[in-house]
Amino acid sequence: MNKNTYSIRLMVKCAQMYYEEDLNQGEIAEKLQISKSSVSRILASAREKEIVKIIVQNPMRDEYLNLEKALEEKFKLKEVIIIDSKSNVPEEIKKGLGKATAEYLQRVVKNGQLIGVTWGTTLCKIKDYVKNDKNKDVTFIPLVGGIGESNIDIQPNSIALDLSRKFKGHCKLLHAPSIVDDPFRRDMFIKDKNIQNFFQTMKKADISIMGIGSPFISSSTLMESGYITEEDVEELRKGGAVGDISSLFIDEYGNGDYFELNKRIIGISLDDLKKIPLKIGVAGHITKKRAILAAILGGYLDILITDSGTAKEILNLQYSIK
């Protein structure tokens, strides 16, 4: 990562860890998922730009950094990245989240890694903000089959392909629908040798990039795409679903084993999602606050990228551990 591409936020955060929190460079490298040499260069760049003098000069709003730290500590997350949400316009929040995710990926992605993606109107924005001029020996794959028959840009295959082009890496596609009529058809479908091989590849993912959905909001892409019916939604509501991740529905504690709809999904399982070493959740707007909290409590996230309004709501939500 070229030092000229370091964001102000990253330089400030790294400097605070080093100078104010007394973390050594190895500890910082582990927390931020970068090399020790990168930490050294970031600190040097921070000094060159006079962010660090005798104390850390923070050009950002302390409120957001403090909010990030509060969420990290409360939910034991590796990192929280917060963007401003003063406009409260969903489309603008999605663009901001896409930009923040692109910057984060450019920081942490390493050669040789396998990166799985889900789908959605937020994840499809990431490609617009990736600035990369070097070939990366990385491979992007979808973690779930296709969603509906329209909105090609938000499909998992499309997002994987777009990001592989931006990182000048590789891509493998999953030629399968995300949902079938019943569990029996799903089991028959995944007996195909090619699908079986792809499922084994999913389990080897180093990083996951996942949107988090809420099927009960009026703008739900799942409903708009015809992916689920009103009857499905009512059944999910009665069952206690609060959100979905990789098209798999979860309750307020992050459990999803008992939802019948999940047994019809062609994609990675919730258990295998948890095993991915670095799990990135990208979602914003306060309408998704309970879905995001459920994903955190379920152990599906290491990194949360969200907006300030949603972050405050999540921090103040009352919940219990089941």
Protein backbone atom coordinates (compact mmCIF):
# COMPACT_ATOMS: atom_id res chain seq x y z
CA MET A 1 0.00 0.00 0.00
CA ASN A 2 1.52 3.29 -1.13
CA LYS A 3 1.91 5.80 1.69
CA ASN A 4 0.30 8.46 -0.47
CA THR A 5 -2.95 6.47 -0.34
CA TYR A 6 -3.20 6.33 3.46
CA SER A 7 -6.44 7.91 4.65
CA ILE A 8 -6.44 10.50 7.42
CA ARG A 9 -8.59 8.17 9.49
CA LEU A 10 -6.10 5.30 9.22
CA MET A 11 -3.11 7.48 10.13
CA VAL A 12 -4.92 8.96 13.14
CA LYS A 13 -6.15 5.60 14.39
CA CYS A 14 -2.72 4.00 14.05
CA ALA A 15 -1.00 6.92 15.78
CA GLN A 16 -3.42 6.88 18.68
CA MET A 17 -2.87 3.17 19.22
CA TYR A 18 0.90 3.66 19.21
CA TYR A 19 1.34 6.94 21.11
CA GLU A 20 -1.71 7.09 23.36
CA GLU A 21 -2.67 3.45 23.96
CA ASP A 22 0.93 2.17 24.16
CA LEU A 23 0.36 -0.68 21.71
CA ASN A 24 3.48 -1.92 19.96
CA GLN A 25 3.70 -2.17 16.18
CA GLY A 26 3.11 -5.91 16.22
CA GLU A 27 -0.11 -5.51 18.20
CA ILE A 28 -1.29 -2.75 15.88
CA ALA A 29 -0.50 -4.87 12.83
CA GLU A 30 -2.60 -7.72 14.19
CA LYS A 31 -5.54 -5.49 15.08
CA LEU A 32 -5.58 -3.69 11.71
CA GLN A 33 -4.75 -6.81 9.68
CA ILE A 34 -1.64 -5.30 8.08
CA SER A 35 2.11 -5.96 8.28
CA LYS A 36 4.44 -4.42 10.88
CA SER A 37 6.30 -2.65 8.07
CA SER A 38 3.01 -1.04 6.98
CA VAL A 39 2.44 0.17 10.55
CA SER A 40 5.90 1.77 10.54
CA ARG A 41 5.23 3.51 7.21
CA ILE A 42 1.81 4.74 8.37
CA LEU A 43 3.34 6.24 11.53
CA ALA A 44 6.06 7.87 9.46
CA SER A 45 3.47 9.29 7.07
CA ALA A 46 1.48 10.59 10.06
CA ARG A 47 4.55 12.48 11.26
CA GLU A 48 5.28 13.85 7.78
CA LYS A 49 1.76 15.22 7.53
CA GLU A 50 2.08 16.72 11.05
CA ILE A 51 -0.76 14.62 12.39
CA VAL A 52 1.74 13.55 15.05
CA LYS A 53 3.79 16.21 16.83
CA ILE A 54 4.05 15.98 20.60
CA ILE A 55 0.50 14.66 20.73
CA VAL A 56 -1.74 13.15 18.07
CA GLN A 57 -3.39 15.94 16.10
CA ASN A 58 -6.81 14.59 15.21
CA PRO A 59 -8.44 16.36 12.21
CA MET A 60 -11.48 14.11 12.52
CA ARG A 61 -14.42 14.36 14.88
CA ASP A 62 -13.48 12.68 18.16
CA GLU A 63 -17.08 11.54 18.43
CA TYR A 64 -16.72 9.02 15.61
CA LEU A 65 -13.40 7.60 16.78
CA ASN A 66 -14.78 7.27 20.31
CA LEU A 67 -17.92 5.63 18.95
CA GLU A 68 -15.82 3.18 16.93
CA LYS A 69 -13.80 2.29 20.02
CA ALA A 70 -16.92 1.89 22.16
CA LEU A 71 -18.43 -0.60 19.70
CA GLU A 72 -15.13 -2.47 19.32
CA GLU A 73 -14.83 -2.91 23.06
CA LYS A 74 -18.49 -3.71 23.76
CA PHE A 75 -18.82 -6.37 21.07
CA LYS A 76 -15.17 -7.55 20.89
CA LEU A 77 -14.90 -6.55 17.22
CA LYS A 78 -11.49 -6.24 15.56
CA GLU A 79 -12.41 -2.90 14.01
CA VAL A 80 -15.40 -0.64 13.45
CA ILE A 81 -15.36 1.97 10.69
CA ILE A 82 -17.98 4.71 10.86
CA ILE A 83 -18.99 7.13 8.13
CA ASP A 84 -21.06 10.27 8.57
CA SER A 85 -24.81 9.89 8.11
CA LYS A 86 -25.96 13.48 8.50
CA SER A 87 -27.80 13.38 5.16
CA ASN A 88 -29.83 10.33 6.27
CA VAL A 89 -30.40 9.59 2.57
CA PRO A 90 -30.08 5.81 2.05
CA GLU A 91 -28.39 6.13 -1.34
CA GLU A 92 -25.77 8.56 0.00
CA ILE A 93 -25.11 6.29 2.98
CA LYS A 94 -24.59 3.36 0.60
CA LYS A 95 -22.04 5.33 -1.40
CA GLY A 96 -20.19 6.29 1.77
CA LEU A 97 -20.16 2.68 2.94
CA GLY A 98 -18.91 1.54 -0.46
CA LYS A 99 -16.04 4.04 -0.33
CA ALA A 100 -15.07 3.09 3.24
CA THR A 101 -15.13 -0.61 2.36
CA ALA A 102 -12.97 -0.06 -0.73
CA GLU A 103 -10.39 1.78 1.37
CA TYR A 104 -10.43 -0.96 3.99
CA LEU A 105 -9.97 -3.71 1.39
CA GLN A 106 -7.06 -1.88 -0.20
CA ARG A 107 -5.44 -1.83 3.23
CA VAL A 108 -5.91 -5.47 4.25
CA VAL A 109 -6.09 -7.61 1.10
CA LYS A 110 -2.94 -9.67 0.60
CA ASN A 111 -1.66 -11.77 -2.29
CA GLY A 112 -2.85 -15.36 -2.27
CA GLN A 113 -6.13 -14.66 -0.49
CA LEU A 114 -9.56 -16.01 -1.38
CA ILE A 115 -12.33 -13.45 -0.85
CA GLY A 116 -16.01 -14.32 -0.71
CA VAL A 117 -18.79 -11.81 -1.33
CA THR A 118 -22.54 -11.81 -0.88
CA TRP A 119 -24.79 -9.36 -2.69
CA GLY A 120 -26.81 -6.19 -2.44
CA THR A 121 -27.24 -2.54 -3.31
CA THR A 122 -24.50 -1.50 -0.89
CA LEU A 123 -21.82 -4.02 -1.87
CA CYS A 124 -22.20 -3.15 -5.54
CA LYS A 125 -20.95 0.38 -4.73
CA ILE A 126 -17.52 -0.83 -3.56
CA LYS A 127 -16.10 -1.18 -7.07
CA ASP A 128 -16.66 2.52 -7.78
CA TYR A 129 -14.08 3.52 -5.16
CA VAL A 130 -11.30 0.94 -5.52
CA LYS A 131 -8.09 2.65 -6.63
CA ASN A 132 -5.57 0.03 -7.62
CA ASP A 133 -2.76 0.05 -10.17
CA LYS A 134 -1.13 -3.28 -9.39
CA ASN A 135 -2.07 -6.84 -10.19
CA LYS A 136 -3.16 -8.73 -7.11
CA ASP A 137 -2.90 -12.49 -6.81
CA VAL A 138 -6.31 -12.70 -5.15
CA THR A 139 -9.48 -14.54 -6.10
CA PHE A 140 -13.05 -13.33 -5.54
CA ILE A 141 -15.96 -15.76 -5.31
CA PRO A 142 -19.69 -15.47 -4.53
CA LEU A 143 -20.85 -17.06 -1.28
CA VAL A 144 -24.41 -17.61 -2.48
CA GLY A 145 -26.25 -18.15 -5.75
CA GLY A 146 -28.04 -15.56 -7.87
CA ILE A 147 -30.86 -13.38 -6.53
CA GLY A 148 -33.89 -13.01 -8.80
CA GLU A 149 -33.69 -12.21 -12.51
CA SER A 150 -33.05 -8.47 -12.52
CA ASN A 151 -30.65 -5.89 -11.07
CA ILE A 152 -27.58 -7.62 -12.46
CA ASP A 153 -25.20 -5.23 -10.67
CA ILE A 154 -26.24 -6.44 -7.21
CA GLN A 155 -25.83 -10.15 -8.00
CA PRO A 156 -23.08 -12.04 -6.12
CA ASN A 157 -21.39 -13.18 -9.34
CA SER A 158 -21.38 -9.61 -10.69
CA ILE A 159 -19.90 -8.16 -7.48
CA ALA A 160 -17.20 -10.86 -7.38
CA LEU A 161 -16.35 -10.25 -11.03
CA ASP A 162 -16.30 -6.45 -10.69
CA LEU A 163 -14.00 -6.56 -7.66
CA SER A 164 -11.67 -9.06 -9.30
CA ARG A 165 -11.28 -6.65 -12.22
CA LYS A 166 -10.65 -3.69 -9.93
CA PHE A 167 -7.97 -5.60 -7.99
CA LYS A 168 -6.65 -7.09 -11.25
CA GLY A 169 -7.04 -10.53 -9.74
CA HIS A 170 -9.09 -13.64 -10.43
CA CYS A 171 -12.71 -14.71 -10.13
CA LYS A 172 -14.70 -17.93 -9.91
CA LEU A 173 -18.44 -17.89 -10.56
CA LEU A 174 -21.26 -19.94 -9.06
CA HIS A 175 -23.82 -20.86 -11.71
CA ALA A 176 -26.77 -21.58 -9.45
CA PRO A 177 -29.85 -19.83 -8.04
CA SER A 178 -29.77 -18.72 -4.43
CA ILE A 179 -33.05 -20.42 -3.58
CA VAL A 180 -35.08 -23.38 -4.82
CA ASP A 181 -38.61 -24.56 -4.10
CA ASP A 182 -37.89 -27.01 -1.30
CA PRO A 183 -35.02 -28.60 0.69
CA PHE A 184 -35.18 -31.80 -1.40
CA ARG A 185 -34.53 -29.88 -4.63
CA ARG A 186 -31.70 -28.03 -2.92
CA ASP A 187 -30.08 -31.29 -1.82
CA MET A 188 -30.40 -32.70 -5.33
CA PHE A 189 -28.95 -29.55 -6.85
CA ILE A 190 -25.82 -29.47 -4.69
CA LYS A 191 -25.03 -33.10 -5.51
CA ASP A 192 -23.72 -31.81 -8.82
CA LYS A 193 -19.94 -32.30 -8.90
CA ASN A 194 -19.22 -28.71 -9.92
CA ILE A 195 -21.41 -27.30 -7.18
CA GLN A 196 -19.79 -29.62 -4.64
CA ASN A 197 -16.35 -28.40 -5.67
CA PHE A 198 -17.48 -24.79 -5.36
CA PHE A 199 -18.84 -25.43 -1.86
CA GLN A 200 -15.44 -26.79 -0.83
CA THR A 201 -13.83 -23.64 -2.23
CA MET A 202 -16.19 -21.44 -0.17
CA LYS A 203 -14.96 -23.11 3.00
CA LYS A 204 -11.40 -21.98 2.20
CA ALA A 205 -12.24 -18.26 2.05
CA ASP A 206 -9.85 -15.96 3.94
CA ILE A 207 -12.16 -12.94 3.89
CA SER A 208 -15.90 -12.45 3.54
CA ILE A 209 -17.58 -9.20 2.51
CA MET A 210 -21.24 -9.31 3.45
CA GLY A 211 -24.24 -7.07 3.29
CA ILE A 212 -26.83 -7.34 6.07
CA GLY A 213 -30.50 -7.18 5.18
CA SER A 214 -33.83 -6.69 6.90
CA PRO A 215 -36.74 -8.38 5.09
CA PHE A 216 -39.37 -6.31 6.86
CA ILE A 217 -38.47 -2.83 5.61
CA SER A 218 -40.34 -1.42 2.63
CA SER A 219 -37.21 -1.14 0.49
CA SER A 220 -36.14 -4.75 1.03
CA THR A 221 -34.29 -5.96 -2.06
CA LEU A 222 -35.37 -9.51 -1.27
CA MET A 223 -39.01 -8.55 -1.66
CA GLU A 224 -38.45 -6.32 -4.67
CA SER A 225 -36.55 -9.05 -6.52
CA GLY A 226 -39.24 -11.64 -5.89
CA TYR A 227 -36.72 -13.71 -3.95
CA ILE A 228 -39.24 -14.21 -1.14
CA THR A 229 -43.01 -13.91 -1.07
CA GLU A 230 -45.28 -12.10 1.37
CA GLU A 231 -46.14 -15.51 2.81
CA ASP A 232 -42.43 -16.18 3.38
CA VAL A 233 -42.07 -12.83 5.11
CA GLU A 234 -44.99 -13.53 7.41
CA GLU A 235 -43.55 -16.94 8.30
CA LEU A 236 -40.17 -15.35 9.05
CA ARG A 237 -41.80 -12.69 11.18
CA LYS A 238 -43.65 -15.29 13.23
CA GLY A 239 -40.43 -17.26 13.62
CA GLY A 240 -38.59 -14.26 15.05
CA ALA A 241 -36.31 -13.38 12.13
CA VAL A 242 -34.77 -9.91 12.31
CA GLY A 243 -32.38 -9.95 9.36
CA ASP A 244 -30.42 -11.92 6.80
CA ILE A 245 -26.76 -12.39 5.98
CA SER A 246 -25.69 -14.17 2.78
CA SER A 247 -29.42 -14.76 2.17
CA LEU A 248 -29.69 -16.77 5.39
CA PHE A 249 -32.17 -15.53 7.98
CA ILE A 250 -31.26 -15.06 11.62
CA ASP A 251 -33.12 -14.22 14.81
CA GLU A 252 -32.12 -11.57 17.36
CA TYR A 253 -29.38 -13.84 18.73
CA GLY A 254 -27.96 -14.69 15.31
CA ASN A 255 -29.48 -18.19 15.18
CA GLY A 256 -30.96 -19.45 11.94
CA ASP A 257 -30.98 -23.24 12.00
CA TYR A 258 -34.73 -23.49 12.55
CA PHE A 259 -35.86 -21.30 9.63
CA GLU A 260 -37.24 -23.56 6.90
CA LEU A 261 -36.36 -21.01 4.22
CA ASN A 262 -32.67 -21.38 5.04
CA LYS A 263 -32.85 -25.05 4.06
CA ARG A 264 -33.65 -23.98 0.48
CA ILE A 265 -30.60 -21.71 0.05
CA ILE A 266 -27.74 -22.68 -2.27
CA GLY A 267 -24.72 -21.08 -0.66
CA ILE A 268 -22.39 -21.14 2.29
CA SER A 269 -23.86 -22.23 5.64
CA LEU A 270 -24.06 -20.06 8.74
CA ASP A 271 -21.61 -22.35 10.52
CA ASP A 272 -19.07 -22.04 7.70
CA LEU A 273 -19.55 -18.27 7.62
CA LYS A 274 -18.42 -18.10 11.24
CA LYS A 275 -15.22 -19.98 10.42
CA ILE A 276 -13.95 -17.44 7.86
CA PRO A 277 -10.88 -15.75 9.41
CA LEU A 278 -11.85 -12.15 8.57
CA LYS A 279 -15.56 -11.37 8.31
CA ILE A 280 -16.56 -7.89 7.11
CA GLY A 281 -20.14 -6.66 7.53
CA VAL A 282 -21.20 -3.63 5.50
CA ALA A 283 -24.60 -2.11 6.30
CA GLY A 284 -26.16 1.18 7.27
CA HIS A 285 -29.35 3.11 8.07
CA ILE A 286 -31.14 2.76 11.38
CA THR A 287 -33.80 0.49 9.87
CA LYS A 288 -31.14 -2.25 9.91
CA LYS A 289 -29.94 -1.73 13.48
CA ARG A 290 -31.43 -4.95 14.90
CA ALA A 291 -30.29 -7.00 11.91
CA ILE A 292 -26.75 -5.70 12.35
CA LEU A 293 -26.79 -6.39 16.09
CA ALA A 294 -28.02 -9.94 15.43
CA ALA A 295 -25.15 -10.51 12.98
CA ILE A 296 -22.69 -9.29 15.61
CA LEU A 297 -24.17 -11.41 18.40
CA GLY A 298 -24.22 -14.45 16.12
CA GLY A 299 -20.47 -14.23 15.58
CA TYR A 300 -20.65 -13.45 11.86
CA LEU A 301 -18.65 -10.21 11.99
CA ASP A 302 -15.09 -9.22 12.88
CA ILE A 303 -15.27 -5.87 11.09
CA LEU A 304 -18.30 -3.59 10.98
CA ILE A 305 -18.57 -0.74 8.47
CA THR A 306 -21.64 1.39 9.16
CA ASP A 307 -22.87 4.97 9.51
CA SER A 308 -22.82 7.16 12.61
CA GLY A 309 -26.57 7.22 13.22
CA THR A 310 -26.84 3.45 13.02
CA ALA A 311 -23.73 2.97 15.17
CA LYS A 312 -25.26 5.06 17.97
CA GLU A 313 -28.51 3.12 17.78
CA ILE A 314 -26.71 -0.25 17.95
CA LEU A 315 -24.63 0.87 20.93
CA ASN A 316 -27.79 1.85 22.82
CA LEU A 317 -29.89 -1.19 21.91
CA GLN A 318 -30.94 -3.38 24.81
CA TYR A 319 -30.23 -7.06 24.33
CA SER A 320 -29.57 -10.22 26.28
CA ILE A 321 -27.26 -13.14 25.56
CA LYS A 322 -29.25 -16.34 25.11
